[in-house]
N, C-alpha and C. Protein backbone atom coordinates (compact mmCIF):
# COMPACT_ATOMS: atom_id res chain seq x y z
N MET A 1 5.91 26.52 -33.73
CA MET A 1 6.77 25.38 -34.06
C MET A 1 8.00 25.35 -33.15
N THR A 2 8.68 26.49 -33.04
CA THR A 2 9.88 26.53 -32.21
C THR A 2 9.53 26.32 -30.74
N LEU A 3 8.35 26.81 -30.34
CA LEU A 3 7.92 26.64 -28.95
C LEU A 3 7.77 25.16 -28.63
N LYS A 4 7.19 24.42 -29.58
CA LYS A 4 7.01 22.98 -29.37
C LYS A 4 8.36 22.29 -29.25
N CYS A 5 9.31 22.68 -30.12
CA CYS A 5 10.65 22.09 -30.06
C CYS A 5 11.31 22.39 -28.72
N ASN A 6 11.16 23.62 -28.26
CA ASN A 6 11.78 24.00 -26.99
C ASN A 6 11.20 23.21 -25.83
N THR A 7 9.88 23.03 -25.82
CA THR A 7 9.26 22.28 -24.72
C THR A 7 9.69 20.82 -24.77
N GLN A 8 9.80 20.27 -25.99
CA GLN A 8 10.25 18.89 -26.10
C GLN A 8 11.68 18.74 -25.59
N ARG A 9 12.53 19.72 -25.94
CA ARG A 9 13.92 19.67 -25.50
C ARG A 9 13.98 19.79 -23.97
N ALA A 10 13.16 20.68 -23.41
CA ALA A 10 13.13 20.85 -21.96
C ALA A 10 12.67 19.55 -21.30
N GLY A 11 11.68 18.90 -21.90
CA GLY A 11 11.21 17.63 -21.35
C GLY A 11 12.31 16.58 -21.38
N LEU A 12 13.07 16.56 -22.48
CA LEU A 12 14.18 15.61 -22.59
C LEU A 12 15.23 15.88 -21.52
N LEU A 13 15.55 17.18 -21.32
CA LEU A 13 16.52 17.54 -20.29
C LEU A 13 16.01 17.14 -18.90
N ASP A 14 14.72 17.36 -18.66
CA ASP A 14 14.13 16.94 -17.38
C ASP A 14 14.28 15.44 -17.21
N TYR A 15 14.05 14.70 -18.30
CA TYR A 15 14.13 13.24 -18.23
C TYR A 15 15.56 12.80 -17.91
N PHE A 16 16.54 13.43 -18.55
CA PHE A 16 17.93 13.06 -18.26
C PHE A 16 18.32 13.44 -16.84
N GLY A 17 17.82 14.58 -16.36
CA GLY A 17 18.07 14.97 -14.97
C GLY A 17 17.45 13.96 -14.02
N PHE A 18 16.26 13.49 -14.37
CA PHE A 18 15.58 12.48 -13.56
C PHE A 18 16.39 11.19 -13.53
N LEU A 19 16.91 10.79 -14.70
CA LEU A 19 17.74 9.58 -14.76
C LEU A 19 19.00 9.75 -13.91
N ARG A 20 19.61 10.95 -13.99
CA ARG A 20 20.82 11.20 -13.23
C ARG A 20 20.52 11.13 -11.73
N ASP A 21 19.41 11.74 -11.32
CA ASP A 21 19.05 11.69 -9.91
C ASP A 21 18.79 10.26 -9.47
N ARG A 22 18.12 9.49 -10.32
CA ARG A 22 17.85 8.10 -9.96
C ARG A 22 19.15 7.31 -9.87
N TYR A 23 20.09 7.59 -10.78
CA TYR A 23 21.35 6.88 -10.76
C TYR A 23 22.13 7.21 -9.49
N ASN A 24 22.04 8.47 -9.04
CA ASN A 24 22.74 8.86 -7.82
C ASN A 24 22.11 8.23 -6.59
N SER A 25 20.81 7.95 -6.64
CA SER A 25 20.13 7.41 -5.46
C SER A 25 20.07 5.89 -5.48
N ILE A 26 20.69 5.25 -6.49
CA ILE A 26 20.68 3.78 -6.55
C ILE A 26 21.33 3.16 -5.31
N PRO A 27 22.50 3.63 -4.84
CA PRO A 27 23.07 3.03 -3.63
C PRO A 27 22.14 3.13 -2.43
N ILE A 28 21.43 4.25 -2.31
CA ILE A 28 20.49 4.42 -1.19
C ILE A 28 19.36 3.41 -1.31
N ILE A 29 18.85 3.22 -2.54
CA ILE A 29 17.77 2.26 -2.76
C ILE A 29 18.24 0.85 -2.43
N LEU A 30 19.46 0.50 -2.88
CA LEU A 30 20.01 -0.82 -2.59
C LEU A 30 20.17 -1.02 -1.10
N LEU A 31 20.68 0.01 -0.43
CA LEU A 31 20.86 -0.08 1.02
C LEU A 31 19.52 -0.29 1.71
N ARG A 32 18.51 0.47 1.25
CA ARG A 32 17.19 0.35 1.88
C ARG A 32 16.60 -1.03 1.65
N THR A 33 16.74 -1.57 0.44
CA THR A 33 16.17 -2.89 0.18
C THR A 33 16.91 -3.97 0.95
N THR A 34 18.24 -3.84 1.07
CA THR A 34 18.98 -4.84 1.86
C THR A 34 18.57 -4.77 3.31
N LEU A 35 18.39 -3.56 3.83
CA LEU A 35 17.95 -3.44 5.22
C LEU A 35 16.56 -4.04 5.40
N GLN A 36 15.66 -3.79 4.44
CA GLN A 36 14.32 -4.35 4.54
C GLN A 36 14.35 -5.87 4.50
N LEU A 37 15.16 -6.42 3.59
CA LEU A 37 15.29 -7.88 3.51
C LEU A 37 15.86 -8.44 4.81
N PHE A 38 16.89 -7.77 5.32
CA PHE A 38 17.53 -8.22 6.55
C PHE A 38 16.54 -8.23 7.71
N PHE A 39 15.77 -7.14 7.84
CA PHE A 39 14.82 -7.06 8.95
C PHE A 39 13.68 -8.05 8.78
N SER A 40 13.28 -8.32 7.53
CA SER A 40 12.22 -9.31 7.33
C SER A 40 12.73 -10.70 7.70
N GLN A 41 14.00 -11.00 7.35
CA GLN A 41 14.58 -12.28 7.75
C GLN A 41 14.65 -12.40 9.26
N VAL A 42 15.10 -11.33 9.92
CA VAL A 42 15.22 -11.33 11.38
C VAL A 42 13.85 -11.53 12.01
N SER A 43 12.84 -10.83 11.48
CA SER A 43 11.50 -10.97 12.06
C SER A 43 10.97 -12.38 11.84
N ILE A 44 11.28 -13.00 10.69
CA ILE A 44 10.87 -14.39 10.46
C ILE A 44 11.56 -15.30 11.47
N LEU A 45 12.86 -15.08 11.68
CA LEU A 45 13.60 -15.90 12.63
C LEU A 45 13.06 -15.74 14.04
N LEU A 46 12.57 -14.55 14.37
CA LEU A 46 12.04 -14.32 15.71
C LEU A 46 10.61 -14.84 15.85
N VAL A 47 9.82 -14.73 14.77
CA VAL A 47 8.40 -15.07 14.87
C VAL A 47 8.18 -16.58 14.79
N VAL A 48 8.95 -17.28 13.94
CA VAL A 48 8.73 -18.72 13.75
C VAL A 48 8.91 -19.51 15.04
N PRO A 49 9.99 -19.29 15.82
CA PRO A 49 10.10 -20.03 17.09
C PRO A 49 8.96 -19.70 18.04
N LEU A 50 8.48 -18.46 18.03
CA LEU A 50 7.37 -18.09 18.90
C LEU A 50 6.11 -18.85 18.51
N LYS A 51 5.89 -19.00 17.21
CA LYS A 51 4.69 -19.72 16.75
C LYS A 51 4.80 -21.20 17.07
N LYS A 52 5.99 -21.75 17.01
CA LYS A 52 6.16 -23.17 17.30
C LYS A 52 6.17 -23.44 18.79
N GLY A 53 6.26 -22.40 19.60
CA GLY A 53 6.17 -22.56 21.04
C GLY A 53 7.49 -22.91 21.69
N TYR A 54 8.61 -22.42 21.12
CA TYR A 54 9.90 -22.69 21.76
C TYR A 54 10.08 -21.85 23.01
N TYR A 55 9.45 -20.65 23.00
CA TYR A 55 9.63 -19.76 24.15
C TYR A 55 8.45 -19.87 25.10
């Protein structure tokens, strides 16, 4: 019985540690998504004129 309680508590602690790690990496995730959006916009701006034959 106590073993089960201990494993559950350890799992809860792992979960909170996971949440804390995710919270710390939120700025990195935001930065990465903004960079991805920015580069996708830039690639669209570069590819569309090429497809229309401006160059």
